[in-house]
Amino acid sequence: MAAVALASTLLTRAATIGALHPVASAELGPADAALVLGARVWEDGRPSRILRERVEVGVRLYVRGLVPKIVMSGAESNREGLDEVEAMVRTAIDLGVLEGDIVRDGAGVNTRASAVNAHRELGLSSVIVCTQEFHLPRAVWLCQVEGLDATGAFPPIHPRDHTLRGYVREVPATWKAILIAGVGVVGRTKRSLR
């Protein structure tokens, strides 16, 4: 079972070779939008370090002129009842993004839902997915499976405990994503796109 899970991670990495880049890379091209994926929010409404880094990546793409808008995709009420999208939007505005250039996707309860919403609900055809390197192969692959022209941008990789946990977590998460994508299940569906 572990070998199958590991093989799924290798499959998504192989399928996305050449599509994953550090945010400063000159290899990133223009897209309809940056797709910033949600993550933990602290009880006081501040984004976690991981979430803030994801937003910063999206903002850098926007400032460079690679994307005209940023989609903030996360849970509007996560398992702790906190709003990931609101924390992301506040952070982007604080970093200089015009509110009118931000699209809120509060139904992005998981990576696949974010990909589906970007394509089917928002009508995007191309995205640059913004998340950590450990998450990017699965995220970009799911966007590509959904029919998006997807590349990915990641912040600098820092050797921290949560980074190692992220790489370990991706093994079963990628296996699950391949199984779910194979049967077309999106999981919870909740319309909350603005």
C-alpha atoms as a PDB file:
ATOM      1  CA  MET A   1       0.000   0.000   0.000  1.00  0.00           C
ATOM      2  CA  ALA A   2       2.815   2.424   0.845  1.00  0.00           C
ATOM      3  CA  ALA A   3       4.452   1.668  -2.505  1.00  0.00           C
ATOM      4  CA  VAL A   4       1.226   2.573  -4.343  1.00  0.00           C
ATOM      5  CA  ALA A   5       0.929   5.826  -2.408  1.00  0.00           C
ATOM      6  CA  LEU A   6       4.555   6.714  -3.114  1.00  0.00           C
ATOM      7  CA  ALA A   7       4.098   5.854  -6.802  1.00  0.00           C
ATOM      8  CA  SER A   8       1.189   8.302  -7.002  1.00  0.00           C
ATOM      9  CA  THR A   9       3.431  11.091  -5.698  1.00  0.00           C
ATOM     10  CA  LEU A  10       6.081  10.227  -8.272  1.00  0.00           C
ATOM     11  CA  LEU A  11       3.401  10.190 -10.984  1.00  0.00           C
ATOM     12  CA  THR A  12       2.236  13.754 -10.235  1.00  0.00           C
ATOM     13  CA  ARG A  13       5.830  14.981 -10.011  1.00  0.00           C
ATOM     14  CA  ALA A  14       6.602  13.416 -13.395  1.00  0.00           C
ATOM     15  CA  ALA A  15       3.389  14.773 -14.930  1.00  0.00           C
ATOM     16  CA  THR A  16       4.241  18.319 -13.847  1.00  0.00           C
ATOM     17  CA  ILE A  17       7.933  18.435 -14.754  1.00  0.00           C
ATOM     18  CA  GLY A  18       8.674  21.834 -16.224  1.00  0.00           C
ATOM     19  CA  ALA A  19       5.489  23.377 -14.808  1.00  0.00           C
ATOM     20  CA  LEU A  20       6.722  24.091 -11.263  1.00  0.00           C
ATOM     21  CA  HIS A  21       8.906  27.137 -10.635  1.00  0.00           C
ATOM     22  CA  PRO A  22      10.195  29.329  -7.816  1.00  0.00           C
ATOM     23  CA  VAL A  23       8.164  32.544  -7.759  1.00  0.00           C
ATOM     24  CA  ALA A  24      11.111  34.605  -9.049  1.00  0.00           C
ATOM     25  CA  SER A  25      11.624  32.348 -12.095  1.00  0.00           C
ATOM     26  CA  ALA A  26      11.711  33.930 -15.536  1.00  0.00           C
ATOM     27  CA  GLU A  27      10.136  30.707 -16.862  1.00  0.00           C
ATOM     28  CA  LEU A  28       6.712  31.647 -15.500  1.00  0.00           C
ATOM     29  CA  GLY A  29       4.436  32.977 -18.228  1.00  0.00           C
ATOM     30  CA  PRO A  30       1.184  34.936 -18.115  1.00  0.00           C
ATOM     31  CA  ALA A  31      -2.093  33.359 -17.023  1.00  0.00           C
ATOM     32  CA  ASP A  32      -5.714  34.371 -16.482  1.00  0.00           C
ATOM     33  CA  ALA A  33      -5.171  34.426 -12.715  1.00  0.00           C
ATOM     34  CA  ALA A  34      -3.054  33.362  -9.784  1.00  0.00           C
ATOM     35  CA  LEU A  35      -4.853  30.608  -7.861  1.00  0.00           C
ATOM     36  CA  VAL A  36      -3.839  30.957  -4.206  1.00  0.00           C
ATOM     37  CA  LEU A  37      -4.757  27.888  -2.167  1.00  0.00           C
ATOM     38  CA  GLY A  38      -6.012  28.185   1.407  1.00  0.00           C
ATOM     39  CA  ALA A  39      -4.317  26.963   4.560  1.00  0.00           C
ATOM     40  CA  ARG A  40      -4.480  27.470   8.305  1.00  0.00           C
ATOM     41  CA  VAL A  41      -5.689  30.718   9.847  1.00  0.00           C
ATOM     42  CA  TRP A  42      -4.988  31.588  13.493  1.00  0.00           C
ATOM     43  CA  GLU A  43      -7.859  32.248  15.890  1.00  0.00           C
ATOM     44  CA  ASP A  44      -7.220  35.999  15.740  1.00  0.00           C
ATOM     45  CA  GLY A  45      -7.765  35.913  11.952  1.00  0.00           C
ATOM     46  CA  ARG A  46      -4.098  36.167  10.936  1.00  0.00           C
ATOM     47  CA  PRO A  47      -2.876  33.816   8.224  1.00  0.00           C
ATOM     48  CA  SER A  48      -0.406  31.116   9.232  1.00  0.00           C
ATOM     49  CA  ARG A  49       3.111  31.424   7.835  1.00  0.00           C
ATOM     50  CA  ILE A  50       2.270  28.888   5.117  1.00  0.00           C
ATOM     51  CA  LEU A  51      -0.846  30.795   4.083  1.00  0.00           C
ATOM     52  CA  ARG A  52       0.923  34.149   4.125  1.00  0.00           C
ATOM     53  CA  GLU A  53       3.698  32.753   1.901  1.00  0.00           C
ATOM     54  CA  ARG A  54       1.074  31.531  -0.593  1.00  0.00           C
ATOM     55  CA  VAL A  55      -0.561  34.961  -0.718  1.00  0.00           C
ATOM     56  CA  GLU A  56       2.846  36.635  -1.114  1.00  0.00           C
ATOM     57  CA  VAL A  57       3.549  34.405  -4.128  1.00  0.00           C
ATOM     58  CA  GLY A  58       0.264  35.448  -5.737  1.00  0.00           C
ATOM     59  CA  VAL A  59       0.996  39.104  -5.045  1.00  0.00           C
ATOM     60  CA  ARG A  60       4.457  38.832  -6.606  1.00  0.00           C
ATOM     61  CA  LEU A  61       2.952  37.366  -9.780  1.00  0.00           C
ATOM     62  CA  TYR A  62       0.390  40.187  -9.842  1.00  0.00           C
ATOM     63  CA  VAL A  63       3.033  42.880  -9.321  1.00  0.00           C
ATOM     64  CA  ARG A  64       5.167  41.353 -12.097  1.00  0.00           C
ATOM     65  CA  GLY A  65       2.161  41.640 -14.425  1.00  0.00           C
ATOM     66  CA  LEU A  66       1.890  37.895 -15.035  1.00  0.00           C
ATOM     67  CA  VAL A  67      -1.713  37.773 -13.777  1.00  0.00           C
ATOM     68  CA  PRO A  68      -4.433  40.455 -13.839  1.00  0.00           C
ATOM     69  CA  LYS A  69      -6.282  38.977 -10.874  1.00  0.00           C
ATOM     70  CA  ILE A  70      -5.791  36.731  -7.889  1.00  0.00           C
ATOM     71  CA  VAL A  71      -8.273  34.012  -6.895  1.00  0.00           C
ATOM     72  CA  MET A  72      -8.233  33.408  -3.144  1.00  0.00           C
ATOM     73  CA  SER A  73      -9.537  29.868  -2.796  1.00  0.00           C
ATOM     74  CA  GLY A  74     -10.142  28.374   0.627  1.00  0.00           C
ATOM     75  CA  ALA A  75     -12.825  27.542   3.140  1.00  0.00           C
ATOM     76  CA  GLU A  76     -15.001  30.433   4.203  1.00  0.00           C
ATOM     77  CA  SER A  77     -15.577  28.464   7.392  1.00  0.00           C
ATOM     78  CA  ASN A  78     -12.855  25.885   8.008  1.00  0.00           C
ATOM     79  CA  ARG A  79     -13.062  23.131  10.640  1.00  0.00           C
ATOM     80  CA  GLU A  80     -12.293  25.718  13.334  1.00  0.00           C
ATOM     81  CA  GLY A  81     -14.979  28.037  11.940  1.00  0.00           C
ATOM     82  CA  LEU A  82     -12.399  30.539  10.638  1.00  0.00           C
ATOM     83  CA  ASP A  83     -12.476  32.263   7.245  1.00  0.00           C
ATOM     84  CA  GLU A  84      -9.351  31.460   5.231  1.00  0.00           C
ATOM     85  CA  VAL A  85     -10.423  33.600   2.290  1.00  0.00           C
ATOM     86  CA  GLU A  86     -10.960  36.736   4.364  1.00  0.00           C
ATOM     87  CA  ALA A  87      -7.484  36.383   5.888  1.00  0.00           C
ATOM     88  CA  MET A  88      -6.018  35.958   2.408  1.00  0.00           C
ATOM     89  CA  VAL A  89      -7.859  38.970   0.995  1.00  0.00           C
ATOM     90  CA  ARG A  90      -6.808  41.232   3.901  1.00  0.00           C
ATOM     91  CA  THR A  91      -3.192  40.165   3.472  1.00  0.00           C
ATOM     92  CA  ALA A  92      -3.209  40.810  -0.294  1.00  0.00           C
ATOM     93  CA  ILE A  93      -4.774  44.239   0.142  1.00  0.00           C
ATOM     94  CA  ASP A  94      -2.177  45.077   2.811  1.00  0.00           C
ATOM     95  CA  LEU A  95       0.470  44.098   0.238  1.00  0.00           C
ATOM     96  CA  GLY A  96      -0.958  46.522  -2.336  1.00  0.00           C
ATOM     97  CA  VAL A  97      -3.384  44.455  -4.435  1.00  0.00           C
ATOM     98  CA  LEU A  98      -6.501  46.331  -5.541  1.00  0.00           C
ATOM     99  CA  GLU A  99      -9.608  44.767  -4.018  1.00  0.00           C
ATOM    100  CA  GLY A 100     -11.264  44.729  -7.454  1.00  0.00           C
ATOM    101  CA  ASP A 101      -8.504  42.432  -8.722  1.00  0.00           C
ATOM    102  CA  ILE A 102      -9.233  39.809  -6.053  1.00  0.00           C
ATOM    103  CA  VAL A 103     -11.748  36.998  -6.616  1.00  0.00           C
ATOM    104  CA  ARG A 104     -13.076  35.181  -3.551  1.00  0.00           C
ATOM    105  CA  ASP A 105     -13.707  31.437  -3.702  1.00  0.00           C
ATOM    106  CA  GLY A 106     -15.008  30.419  -0.298  1.00  0.00           C
ATOM    107  CA  ALA A 107     -15.943  26.989  -1.653  1.00  0.00           C
ATOM    108  CA  GLY A 108     -12.314  25.939  -2.113  1.00  0.00           C
ATOM    109  CA  VAL A 109     -12.537  23.449   0.743  1.00  0.00           C
ATOM    110  CA  ASN A 110      -9.785  21.275  -0.729  1.00  0.00           C
ATOM    111  CA  THR A 111      -7.302  21.406  -3.578  1.00  0.00           C
ATOM    112  CA  ARG A 112      -9.550  19.618  -6.060  1.00  0.00           C
ATOM    113  CA  ALA A 113     -12.503  21.875  -5.266  1.00  0.00           C
ATOM    114  CA  SER A 114     -10.278  24.910  -5.890  1.00  0.00           C
ATOM    115  CA  ALA A 115      -9.294  23.530  -9.314  1.00  0.00           C
ATOM    116  CA  VAL A 116     -12.884  22.688 -10.243  1.00  0.00           C
ATOM    117  CA  ASN A 117     -14.159  26.090  -9.109  1.00  0.00           C
ATOM    118  CA  ALA A 118     -11.456  27.964 -11.031  1.00  0.00           C
ATOM    119  CA  HIS A 119     -12.393  26.216 -14.258  1.00  0.00           C
ATOM    120  CA  ARG A 120     -16.107  25.450 -14.052  1.00  0.00           C
ATOM    121  CA  GLU A 121     -17.406  28.281 -11.873  1.00  0.00           C
ATOM    122  CA  LEU A 122     -15.019  31.120 -12.659  1.00  0.00           C
ATOM    123  CA  GLY A 123     -14.459  30.198 -16.303  1.00  0.00           C
ATOM    124  CA  LEU A 124     -10.671  30.462 -16.147  1.00  0.00           C
ATOM    125  CA  SER A 125      -8.618  28.668 -18.769  1.00  0.00           C
ATOM    126  CA  SER A 126      -5.143  29.223 -17.302  1.00  0.00           C
ATOM    127  CA  VAL A 127      -3.799  29.652 -13.782  1.00  0.00           C
ATOM    128  CA  ILE A 128      -0.555  29.863 -11.883  1.00  0.00           C
ATOM    129  CA  VAL A 129      -1.123  27.859  -8.715  1.00  0.00           C
ATOM    130  CA  CYS A 130       0.429  29.430  -5.611  1.00  0.00           C
ATOM    131  CA  THR A 131       1.430  27.086  -2.804  1.00  0.00           C
ATOM    132  CA  GLN A 132       4.494  25.459  -1.244  1.00  0.00           C
ATOM    133  CA  GLU A 133       6.724  23.244  -3.387  1.00  0.00           C
ATOM    134  CA  PHE A 134       5.680  20.083  -1.526  1.00  0.00           C
ATOM    135  CA  HIS A 135       2.008  20.714  -2.431  1.00  0.00           C
ATOM    136  CA  LEU A 136       2.518  22.010  -5.957  1.00  0.00           C
ATOM    137  CA  PRO A 137       2.796  18.762  -7.995  1.00  0.00           C
ATOM    138  CA  ARG A 138      -0.595  17.537  -6.740  1.00  0.00           C
ATOM    139  CA  ALA A 139      -2.219  20.966  -7.022  1.00  0.00           C
ATOM    140  CA  VAL A 140      -1.005  21.641 -10.572  1.00  0.00           C
ATOM    141  CA  TRP A 141      -1.844  18.079 -11.641  1.00  0.00           C
ATOM    142  CA  LEU A 142      -5.403  18.430 -10.334  1.00  0.00           C
ATOM    143  CA  CYS A 143      -5.793  21.707 -12.242  1.00  0.00           C
ATOM    144  CA  GLN A 144      -4.485  20.071 -15.413  1.00  0.00           C
ATOM    145  CA  VAL A 145      -6.847  17.100 -14.979  1.00  0.00           C
ATOM    146  CA  GLU A 146      -9.686  19.614 -14.642  1.00  0.00           C
ATOM    147  CA  GLY A 147      -8.692  21.079 -18.032  1.00  0.00           C
ATOM    148  CA  LEU A 148      -6.824  24.182 -16.912  1.00  0.00           C
ATOM    149  CA  ASP A 149      -3.557  25.258 -18.476  1.00  0.00           C
ATOM    150  CA  ALA A 150      -1.753  25.241 -15.139  1.00  0.00           C
ATOM    151  CA  THR A 151       1.723  26.017 -13.926  1.00  0.00           C
ATOM    152  CA  GLY A 152       2.837  26.561 -10.361  1.00  0.00           C
ATOM    153  CA  ALA A 153       4.875  29.042  -8.368  1.00  0.00           C
ATOM    154  CA  PHE A 154       6.283  28.412  -4.925  1.00  0.00           C
ATOM    155  CA  PRO A 155       8.000  30.507  -2.240  1.00  0.00           C
ATOM    156  CA  PRO A 156      11.548  29.769  -1.088  1.00  0.00           C
ATOM    157  CA  ILE A 157      11.854  26.351   0.542  1.00  0.00           C
ATOM    158  CA  HIS A 158      12.752  26.626   4.227  1.00  0.00           C
ATOM    159  CA  PRO A 159      14.006  23.561   6.137  1.00  0.00           C
ATOM    160  CA  ARG A 160      11.438  23.621   8.949  1.00  0.00           C
ATOM    161  CA  ASP A 161       9.442  20.916  10.694  1.00  0.00           C
ATOM    162  CA  HIS A 162       6.227  21.822   8.881  1.00  0.00           C
ATOM    163  CA  THR A 163       8.035  21.605   5.524  1.00  0.00           C
ATOM    164  CA  LEU A 164       9.087  18.015   6.222  1.00  0.00           C
ATOM    165  CA  ARG A 165       5.567  17.212   7.457  1.00  0.00           C
ATOM    166  CA  GLY A 166       4.233  18.712   4.220  1.00  0.00           C
ATOM    167  CA  TYR A 167       6.312  16.392   2.057  1.00  0.00           C
ATOM    168  CA  VAL A 168       5.263  13.374   4.153  1.00  0.00           C
ATOM    169  CA  ARG A 169       1.584  14.410   4.089  1.00  0.00           C
ATOM    170  CA  GLU A 170       1.640  14.697   0.301  1.00  0.00           C
ATOM    171  CA  VAL A 171       2.173  10.947  -0.143  1.00  0.00           C
ATOM    172  CA  PRO A 172      -1.294   9.850   1.096  1.00  0.00           C
ATOM    173  CA  ALA A 173      -2.920  13.120  -0.051  1.00  0.00           C
ATOM    174  CA  THR A 174      -1.727  12.555  -3.618  1.00  0.00           C
ATOM    175  CA  TRP A 175      -2.896   8.952  -3.624  1.00  0.00           C
ATOM    176  CA  LYS A 176      -6.323  10.106  -2.417  1.00  0.00           C
ATOM    177  CA  ALA A 177      -6.401  12.876  -5.053  1.00  0.00           C
ATOM    178  CA  ILE A 178      -5.699  10.395  -7.849  1.00  0.00           C
ATOM    179  CA  LEU A 179      -8.456   8.097  -6.610  1.00  0.00           C
ATOM    180  CA  ILE A 180     -10.952  10.952  -6.279  1.00  0.00           C
ATOM    181  CA  ALA A 181     -10.041  12.500  -9.641  1.00  0.00           C
ATOM    182  CA  GLY A 182     -10.467   9.095 -11.202  1.00  0.00           C
ATOM    183  CA  VAL A 183     -14.095   8.839 -10.116  1.00  0.00           C
ATOM    184  CA  GLY A 184     -14.881  12.548 -10.451  1.00  0.00           C
ATOM    185  CA  VAL A 185     -15.794  13.160  -6.824  1.00  0.00           C
ATOM    186  CA  VAL A 186     -15.297  16.741  -5.672  1.00  0.00           C
ATOM    187  CA  GLY A 187     -16.233  16.215  -2.038  1.00  0.00           C
ATOM    188  CA  ARG A 188     -18.376  18.767  -0.253  1.00  0.00           C
ATOM    189  CA  THR A 189     -19.964  21.189  -2.642  1.00  0.00           C
ATOM    190  CA  LYS A 190     -20.977  24.577  -1.394  1.00  0.00           C
ATOM    191  CA  ARG A 191     -21.519  27.596  -3.625  1.00  0.00           C
ATOM    192  CA  SER A 192     -19.769  30.616  -2.248  1.00  0.00           C
ATOM    193  CA  LEU A 193     -18.072  32.337  -5.149  1.00  0.00           C
ATOM    194  CA  ARG A 194     -17.999  36.136  -5.265  1.00  0.00           C
END
